[in-house]
N, C-alpha and C. Protein backbone atom coordinates (compact mmCIF):
# COMPACT_ATOMS: atom_id res chain seq x y z
N MET A 1 12.15 4.35 11.94
CA MET A 1 10.80 3.88 11.82
C MET A 1 9.90 4.97 11.23
N ARG A 2 10.20 6.21 11.50
CA ARG A 2 9.39 7.30 10.97
C ARG A 2 9.42 7.30 9.45
N LEU A 3 10.58 6.98 8.87
CA LEU A 3 10.67 6.92 7.42
C LEU A 3 9.73 5.86 6.86
N PHE A 4 9.62 4.73 7.56
CA PHE A 4 8.72 3.69 7.07
C PHE A 4 7.28 4.18 7.04
N ALA A 5 6.92 4.96 8.03
CA ALA A 5 5.55 5.46 8.09
C ALA A 5 5.20 6.28 6.85
N CYS A 6 6.19 6.67 6.09
CA CYS A 6 5.97 7.47 4.89
C CYS A 6 5.84 6.61 3.63
N LEU A 7 5.90 5.32 3.74
CA LEU A 7 5.74 4.45 2.56
C LEU A 7 4.35 4.61 1.98
N ALA A 8 4.24 4.56 0.70
CA ALA A 8 2.96 4.60 0.05
C ALA A 8 2.61 3.23 -0.50
N GLY A 9 2.30 3.20 -0.71
CA GLY A 9 1.52 2.38 -1.33
C GLY A 9 1.93 1.67 -1.07
N THR A 10 2.70 -0.33 -1.18
CA THR A 10 2.21 -1.39 -0.67
C THR A 10 3.53 -2.59 -1.03
N ALA A 11 4.74 -9.61 0.13
CA ALA A 11 4.89 -11.09 0.22
C ALA A 11 4.44 -11.73 -1.09
N LEU A 12 3.50 -12.33 -1.08
CA LEU A 12 3.02 -12.99 -2.30
C LEU A 12 1.98 -12.13 -2.98
N LEU A 13 1.62 -12.52 -4.21
CA LEU A 13 0.62 -11.72 -4.92
C LEU A 13 -0.70 -11.66 -4.17
N LEU A 14 -1.07 -12.69 -3.49
CA LEU A 14 -2.28 -12.65 -2.67
C LEU A 14 -1.92 -13.04 -1.26
N ALA A 15 -2.16 -12.14 -0.33
CA ALA A 15 -1.87 -12.43 1.08
C ALA A 15 -2.83 -13.50 1.58
N PRO A 16 -2.38 -14.34 2.48
CA PRO A 16 -3.28 -15.38 3.00
C PRO A 16 -4.45 -14.76 3.75
N LEU A 17 -5.62 -15.33 3.54
CA LEU A 17 -6.81 -14.88 4.24
C LEU A 17 -7.13 -15.86 5.36
N PRO A 18 -7.76 -15.41 6.44
CA PRO A 18 -8.14 -16.33 7.51
C PRO A 18 -9.03 -17.44 6.96
N ALA A 19 -8.91 -18.61 7.55
CA ALA A 19 -9.66 -19.78 7.07
C ALA A 19 -11.16 -19.54 7.10
N ALA A 20 -11.67 -18.75 8.03
CA ALA A 20 -13.10 -18.52 8.15
C ALA A 20 -13.60 -17.42 7.23
N ALA A 21 -12.72 -16.78 6.48
CA ALA A 21 -13.12 -15.67 5.62
C ALA A 21 -13.99 -16.15 4.47
N GLN A 22 -14.91 -15.31 4.06
CA GLN A 22 -15.74 -15.61 2.90
C GLN A 22 -14.90 -15.43 1.64
N PRO A 23 -15.23 -16.16 0.57
CA PRO A 23 -14.50 -15.96 -0.68
C PRO A 23 -14.62 -14.50 -1.12
N ALA A 24 -13.52 -13.95 -1.58
CA ALA A 24 -13.50 -12.55 -2.02
C ALA A 24 -14.16 -12.44 -3.39
N SER A 25 -14.83 -11.33 -3.60
CA SER A 25 -15.38 -11.05 -4.92
C SER A 25 -14.23 -10.81 -5.89
N PRO A 26 -14.46 -10.95 -7.19
CA PRO A 26 -13.38 -10.65 -8.14
C PRO A 26 -12.85 -9.22 -7.99
N ALA A 27 -13.72 -8.26 -7.72
CA ALA A 27 -13.26 -6.88 -7.55
C ALA A 27 -12.37 -6.74 -6.32
N THR A 28 -12.73 -7.43 -5.23
CA THR A 28 -11.92 -7.39 -4.01
C THR A 28 -10.58 -8.07 -4.25
N ALA A 29 -10.59 -9.21 -4.91
CA ALA A 29 -9.34 -9.92 -5.21
C ALA A 29 -8.43 -9.08 -6.10
N ASP A 30 -9.01 -8.39 -7.08
CA ASP A 30 -8.21 -7.53 -7.96
C ASP A 30 -7.59 -6.37 -7.18
N ALA A 31 -8.39 -5.75 -6.30
CA ALA A 31 -7.88 -4.63 -5.51
C ALA A 31 -6.79 -5.09 -4.55
N LEU A 32 -6.98 -6.24 -3.93
CA LEU A 32 -5.96 -6.80 -3.04
C LEU A 32 -4.68 -7.09 -3.83
N ALA A 33 -4.81 -7.62 -5.02
CA ALA A 33 -3.63 -7.89 -5.85
C ALA A 33 -2.90 -6.61 -6.20
N ARG A 34 -3.63 -5.52 -6.47
CA ARG A 34 -2.97 -4.23 -6.77
C ARG A 34 -2.20 -3.72 -5.56
N GLU A 35 -2.83 -3.74 -4.38
CA GLU A 35 -2.15 -3.28 -3.17
C GLU A 35 -0.93 -4.15 -2.87
N THR A 36 -1.10 -5.45 -2.99
CA THR A 36 0.01 -6.37 -2.73
C THR A 36 1.17 -6.11 -3.69
N ALA A 37 0.84 -5.87 -4.95
CA ALA A 37 1.88 -5.59 -5.95
C ALA A 37 2.68 -4.34 -5.61
N ILE A 38 2.00 -3.33 -5.07
CA ILE A 38 2.69 -2.10 -4.66
C ILE A 38 3.70 -2.41 -3.55
N TRP A 39 3.25 -3.13 -2.53
CA TRP A 39 4.15 -3.46 -1.42
C TRP A 39 5.28 -4.37 -1.89
N GLN A 40 4.99 -5.29 -2.81
CA GLN A 40 6.03 -6.17 -3.33
C GLN A 40 7.06 -5.36 -4.12
N ALA A 41 6.60 -4.36 -4.86
CA ALA A 41 7.53 -3.48 -5.59
C ALA A 41 8.46 -2.76 -4.62
N VAL A 42 7.93 -2.31 -3.50
CA VAL A 42 8.77 -1.66 -2.48
C VAL A 42 9.78 -2.67 -1.93
N LYS A 43 9.31 -3.86 -1.61
CA LYS A 43 10.19 -4.89 -1.06
C LYS A 43 11.30 -5.25 -2.04
N ASP A 44 10.97 -5.31 -3.33
CA ASP A 44 11.93 -5.69 -4.37
C ASP A 44 12.74 -4.51 -4.90
N HIS A 45 12.53 -3.32 -4.35
CA HIS A 45 13.23 -2.10 -4.77
C HIS A 45 12.95 -1.77 -6.24
N ARG A 46 11.74 -2.05 -6.71
CA ARG A 46 11.33 -1.71 -8.07
C ARG A 46 10.54 -0.40 -8.00
N LEU A 47 11.27 0.70 -7.81
CA LEU A 47 10.62 1.99 -7.57
C LEU A 47 9.92 2.52 -8.81
N ASP A 48 10.39 2.14 -10.01
CA ASP A 48 9.69 2.55 -11.23
C ASP A 48 8.30 1.92 -11.29
N ASP A 49 8.20 0.65 -10.89
CA ASP A 49 6.90 -0.03 -10.86
C ASP A 49 5.99 0.62 -9.82
N PHE A 50 6.57 0.96 -8.67
CA PHE A 50 5.81 1.64 -7.63
C PHE A 50 5.24 2.96 -8.18
N ALA A 51 6.09 3.78 -8.75
CA ALA A 51 5.66 5.09 -9.26
C ALA A 51 4.64 4.95 -10.39
N ALA A 52 4.80 3.94 -11.24
CA ALA A 52 3.89 3.76 -12.37
C ALA A 52 2.47 3.41 -11.93
N ALA A 53 2.30 2.91 -10.73
CA ALA A 53 0.97 2.57 -10.24
C ALA A 53 0.21 3.77 -9.71
N MET A 54 0.87 4.91 -9.61
CA MET A 54 0.24 6.11 -9.07
C MET A 54 -0.24 7.04 -10.18
N ALA A 55 -1.34 7.72 -9.92
CA ALA A 55 -1.85 8.73 -10.84
C ALA A 55 -0.95 9.96 -10.78
N PRO A 56 -0.88 10.74 -11.86
CA PRO A 56 -0.08 11.97 -11.82
C PRO A 56 -0.50 12.91 -10.69
N SER A 57 -1.78 12.88 -10.33
CA SER A 57 -2.28 13.77 -9.27
C SER A 57 -2.28 13.08 -7.90
N TYR A 58 -1.58 11.97 -7.76
CA TYR A 58 -1.53 11.19 -6.51
C TYR A 58 -1.23 12.06 -5.29
N LEU A 59 -1.87 11.71 -4.17
CA LEU A 59 -1.61 12.37 -2.89
C LEU A 59 -1.44 11.30 -1.82
N GLY A 60 -0.30 11.29 -1.17
CA GLY A 60 -0.09 10.45 0.00
C GLY A 60 -0.24 11.32 1.23
N LEU A 61 -0.89 10.81 2.26
CA LEU A 61 -1.07 11.58 3.48
C LEU A 61 -0.59 10.75 4.66
N TYR A 62 0.38 11.29 5.37
CA TYR A 62 1.06 10.60 6.46
C TYR A 62 1.11 11.50 7.68
N PRO A 63 1.53 10.96 8.82
CA PRO A 63 1.58 11.78 10.04
C PRO A 63 2.41 13.06 9.88
N ASP A 64 3.41 13.05 9.00
CA ASP A 64 4.23 14.26 8.84
C ASP A 64 3.76 15.14 7.69
N GLY A 65 2.62 14.81 7.06
CA GLY A 65 2.04 15.68 6.05
C GLY A 65 1.84 15.00 4.71
N PRO A 66 1.37 15.77 3.73
CA PRO A 66 1.08 15.23 2.40
C PRO A 66 2.36 14.98 1.60
N ARG A 67 2.27 14.05 0.64
CA ARG A 67 3.40 13.70 -0.21
C ARG A 67 2.94 13.46 -1.64
N THR A 68 3.81 13.77 -2.57
CA THR A 68 3.63 13.45 -3.98
C THR A 68 4.26 12.09 -4.26
N VAL A 69 4.11 11.60 -5.47
CA VAL A 69 4.76 10.35 -5.86
C VAL A 69 6.27 10.48 -5.67
N ALA A 70 6.84 11.59 -6.15
CA ALA A 70 8.30 11.79 -6.04
C ALA A 70 8.76 11.76 -4.59
N ALA A 71 8.00 12.38 -3.70
CA ALA A 71 8.37 12.39 -2.28
C ALA A 71 8.26 10.99 -1.68
N ASP A 72 7.24 10.24 -2.08
CA ASP A 72 7.12 8.86 -1.59
C ASP A 72 8.30 8.02 -2.07
N VAL A 73 8.65 8.14 -3.33
CA VAL A 73 9.78 7.38 -3.89
C VAL A 73 11.07 7.73 -3.14
N ALA A 74 11.28 9.00 -2.85
CA ALA A 74 12.48 9.42 -2.12
C ALA A 74 12.54 8.77 -0.74
N GLN A 75 11.41 8.66 -0.05
CA GLN A 75 11.37 8.02 1.26
C GLN A 75 11.63 6.52 1.14
N ILE A 76 10.98 5.90 0.17
CA ILE A 76 11.07 4.45 0.01
C ILE A 76 12.49 4.01 -0.36
N ARG A 77 13.21 4.86 -1.07
CA ARG A 77 14.59 4.55 -1.45
C ARG A 77 15.46 4.18 -0.24
N GLN A 78 15.10 4.72 0.91
CA GLN A 78 15.89 4.51 2.13
C GLN A 78 15.45 3.28 2.92
N VAL A 79 14.41 2.58 2.46
CA VAL A 79 13.81 1.49 3.21
C VAL A 79 14.17 0.14 2.60
N ASP A 80 14.53 -0.80 3.46
CA ASP A 80 14.69 -2.20 3.05
C ASP A 80 13.56 -2.97 3.71
N LEU A 81 12.46 -3.13 2.97
CA LEU A 81 11.30 -3.85 3.48
C LEU A 81 11.56 -5.34 3.34
N ARG A 82 11.61 -6.05 4.45
CA ARG A 82 11.93 -7.48 4.42
C ARG A 82 10.70 -8.36 4.36
N SER A 83 9.61 -7.93 5.00
CA SER A 83 8.39 -8.73 4.96
C SER A 83 7.18 -7.84 5.19
N PHE A 84 6.05 -8.33 4.69
CA PHE A 84 4.77 -7.66 4.94
C PHE A 84 3.66 -8.69 4.84
N GLU A 85 2.59 -8.43 5.58
CA GLU A 85 1.42 -9.29 5.52
C GLU A 85 0.17 -8.42 5.62
N ILE A 86 -0.66 -8.49 4.61
CA ILE A 86 -1.91 -7.73 4.55
C ILE A 86 -3.03 -8.59 5.13
N SER A 87 -3.88 -7.97 5.96
CA SER A 87 -5.05 -8.67 6.51
C SER A 87 -6.19 -7.67 6.67
N ALA A 88 -7.35 -8.18 7.04
CA ALA A 88 -8.55 -7.35 7.27
C ALA A 88 -8.85 -6.45 6.07
N PHE A 89 -8.66 -6.98 4.86
CA PHE A 89 -8.84 -6.21 3.62
C PHE A 89 -10.32 -6.01 3.33
N GLN A 90 -10.69 -4.76 3.05
CA GLN A 90 -12.07 -4.43 2.69
C GLN A 90 -12.09 -3.51 1.50
N LEU A 91 -13.08 -3.70 0.65
CA LEU A 91 -13.26 -2.89 -0.57
C LEU A 91 -14.58 -2.15 -0.49
N LEU A 92 -14.56 -0.88 -0.87
CA LEU A 92 -15.77 -0.07 -0.96
C LEU A 92 -15.84 0.50 -2.37
N PRO A 93 -16.72 -0.03 -3.22
CA PRO A 93 -16.87 0.57 -4.55
C PRO A 93 -17.48 1.96 -4.42
N VAL A 94 -16.87 2.94 -5.05
CA VAL A 94 -17.39 4.31 -5.03
C VAL A 94 -18.26 4.53 -6.26
N ASP A 95 -17.74 4.15 -7.41
CA ASP A 95 -18.46 4.16 -8.67
C ASP A 95 -17.75 3.16 -9.58
N PRO A 96 -18.21 2.94 -10.81
CA PRO A 96 -17.57 1.90 -11.65
C PRO A 96 -16.08 2.14 -11.93
N GLU A 97 -15.62 3.36 -11.76
CA GLU A 97 -14.23 3.68 -12.07
C GLU A 97 -13.38 3.98 -10.83
N THR A 98 -13.96 3.88 -9.63
CA THR A 98 -13.26 4.26 -8.41
C THR A 98 -13.60 3.30 -7.27
N VAL A 99 -12.57 2.88 -6.54
CA VAL A 99 -12.78 2.04 -5.36
C VAL A 99 -11.91 2.57 -4.23
N ALA A 100 -12.38 2.36 -3.02
CA ALA A 100 -11.59 2.66 -1.82
C ALA A 100 -11.33 1.32 -1.12
N VAL A 101 -10.14 1.18 -0.55
CA VAL A 101 -9.80 -0.03 0.19
C VAL A 101 -9.23 0.35 1.54
N THR A 102 -9.43 -0.53 2.51
CA THR A 102 -8.79 -0.39 3.81
C THR A 102 -8.24 -1.76 4.19
N TYR A 103 -7.14 -1.74 4.96
CA TYR A 103 -6.57 -3.00 5.43
C TYR A 103 -5.55 -2.72 6.52
N ARG A 104 -5.14 -3.80 7.14
CA ARG A 104 -4.06 -3.75 8.13
C ARG A 104 -2.85 -4.41 7.49
N ILE A 105 -1.67 -3.87 7.80
CA ILE A 105 -0.44 -4.47 7.29
C ILE A 105 0.58 -4.58 8.42
N ASP A 106 1.19 -5.73 8.51
CA ASP A 106 2.29 -5.96 9.44
C ASP A 106 3.57 -5.99 8.62
N VAL A 107 4.57 -5.22 9.05
CA VAL A 107 5.79 -5.07 8.28
C VAL A 107 7.03 -5.26 9.16
N ALA A 108 8.12 -5.59 8.48
CA ALA A 108 9.43 -5.66 9.14
C ALA A 108 10.47 -5.26 8.09
N GLY A 109 11.51 -4.59 8.55
CA GLY A 109 12.56 -4.18 7.63
C GLY A 109 13.62 -3.37 8.33
N GLN A 110 14.28 -2.55 7.52
CA GLN A 110 15.38 -1.75 8.04
C GLN A 110 15.43 -0.42 7.29
N VAL A 111 15.73 0.64 8.03
CA VAL A 111 16.00 1.96 7.46
C VAL A 111 17.40 2.32 7.93
N HIS A 112 18.30 2.49 6.96
CA HIS A 112 19.71 2.68 7.28
C HIS A 112 20.17 1.48 8.11
N ASP A 113 20.64 1.67 9.29
CA ASP A 113 21.10 0.55 10.12
C ASP A 113 20.12 0.21 11.24
N THR A 114 18.91 0.73 11.17
CA THR A 114 17.94 0.56 12.23
C THR A 114 16.80 -0.34 11.77
N GLY A 115 16.60 -1.44 12.47
CA GLY A 115 15.50 -2.35 12.15
C GLY A 115 14.18 -1.80 12.64
N PHE A 116 13.11 -2.24 12.00
CA PHE A 116 11.77 -1.84 12.44
C PHE A 116 10.80 -2.99 12.22
N THR A 117 9.75 -2.99 13.02
CA THR A 117 8.57 -3.82 12.82
C THR A 117 7.39 -2.94 13.17
N GLY A 118 6.25 -3.26 12.64
CA GLY A 118 5.08 -2.46 12.98
C GLY A 118 3.82 -2.97 12.34
N ARG A 119 2.72 -2.49 12.88
CA ARG A 119 1.39 -2.77 12.35
C ARG A 119 0.77 -1.42 12.01
N TYR A 120 0.22 -1.33 10.79
CA TYR A 120 -0.35 -0.08 10.30
C TYR A 120 -1.74 -0.33 9.73
N TRP A 121 -2.58 0.68 9.85
CA TRP A 121 -3.85 0.71 9.14
C TRP A 121 -3.65 1.54 7.88
N VAL A 122 -4.20 1.07 6.79
CA VAL A 122 -3.96 1.68 5.48
C VAL A 122 -5.29 1.92 4.78
N SER A 123 -5.35 2.99 4.01
CA SER A 123 -6.48 3.25 3.14
C SER A 123 -5.95 3.80 1.82
N SER A 124 -6.49 3.30 0.73
CA SER A 124 -6.11 3.79 -0.60
C SER A 124 -7.37 3.98 -1.43
N ILE A 125 -7.31 4.93 -2.33
CA ILE A 125 -8.36 5.13 -3.32
C ILE A 125 -7.74 4.92 -4.69
N TRP A 126 -8.36 4.06 -5.47
CA TRP A 126 -7.91 3.73 -6.82
C TRP A 126 -8.95 4.21 -7.82
N HIS A 127 -8.45 4.75 -8.94
CA HIS A 127 -9.33 5.24 -10.00
C HIS A 127 -8.82 4.71 -11.33
N ARG A 128 -9.74 4.26 -12.17
CA ARG A 128 -9.36 3.74 -13.49
C ARG A 128 -9.16 4.92 -14.43
N ILE A 129 -7.93 5.06 -14.95
CA ILE A 129 -7.56 6.15 -15.84
C ILE A 129 -7.04 5.53 -17.13
N GLY A 130 -7.68 5.82 -18.25
CA GLY A 130 -7.26 5.25 -19.51
C GLY A 130 -7.26 3.74 -19.50
N GLY A 131 -8.20 3.13 -18.78
CA GLY A 131 -8.31 1.69 -18.71
C GLY A 131 -7.40 1.03 -17.69
N LYS A 132 -6.55 1.80 -17.01
CA LYS A 132 -5.63 1.23 -16.01
C LYS A 132 -5.95 1.80 -14.64
N TRP A 133 -5.89 0.92 -13.64
CA TRP A 133 -6.11 1.37 -12.26
C TRP A 133 -4.88 2.09 -11.75
N ARG A 134 -5.08 3.28 -11.18
CA ARG A 134 -4.00 4.08 -10.61
C ARG A 134 -4.41 4.53 -9.21
N ALA A 135 -3.47 4.50 -8.29
CA ALA A 135 -3.72 5.00 -6.94
C ALA A 135 -3.78 6.52 -7.00
N ILE A 136 -4.84 7.09 -6.43
CA ILE A 136 -4.94 8.55 -6.40
C ILE A 136 -4.75 9.10 -4.99
N VAL A 137 -5.04 8.29 -3.97
CA VAL A 137 -4.84 8.70 -2.58
C VAL A 137 -4.37 7.48 -1.79
N HIS A 138 -3.43 7.70 -0.88
CA HIS A 138 -2.97 6.64 0.01
C HIS A 138 -2.63 7.27 1.35
N THR A 139 -3.05 6.61 2.41
CA THR A 139 -2.69 7.07 3.74
C THR A 139 -2.48 5.86 4.64
N GLN A 140 -1.61 6.02 5.61
CA GLN A 140 -1.39 4.95 6.59
C GLN A 140 -0.93 5.55 7.90
N PHE A 141 -1.24 4.83 8.97
CA PHE A 141 -0.83 5.27 10.30
C PHE A 141 -0.63 4.04 11.16
N GLN A 142 0.22 4.19 12.15
CA GLN A 142 0.54 3.07 13.02
C GLN A 142 -0.68 2.71 13.87
N ALA A 143 -0.94 1.40 13.95
CA ALA A 143 -2.07 0.91 14.73
C ALA A 143 -1.80 1.09 16.22
N ALA A 144 -2.87 1.34 16.95
CA ALA A 144 -2.74 1.45 18.40
C ALA A 144 -2.35 0.09 18.98
N PRO A 145 -1.55 0.10 20.06
CA PRO A 145 -1.13 -1.17 20.66
C PRO A 145 -2.30 -1.96 21.24
């Protein structure tokens, strides 16, 4: 399970929202789609797609310390993510080229022969570089019971 806690970055292209939720702004929907695509790439073992979404200066921060894109990919290689569900998604525009997002994710999968499930709080910062959005910071930690 500790290996899973080192996943970076991120079911369907858009996770279901609660029925009472307000319609998401286009910027929020786009950011949610980016985060969902990252998690789907992990689930589908498309590590090149995962790495391509990160900025060269990307920093992942986890309970065991900071990670580069290469270190995140090395950890993810060992994970078989079977399911994930994103909820409580929020977007904070920083400037026209930078946004921060927070959300909760419920996951299930396997690392080696050990199954795992868990709920995590996640935060990512995305920056538009050369017209493309790239993750520059990602952090996650297990939610309190």
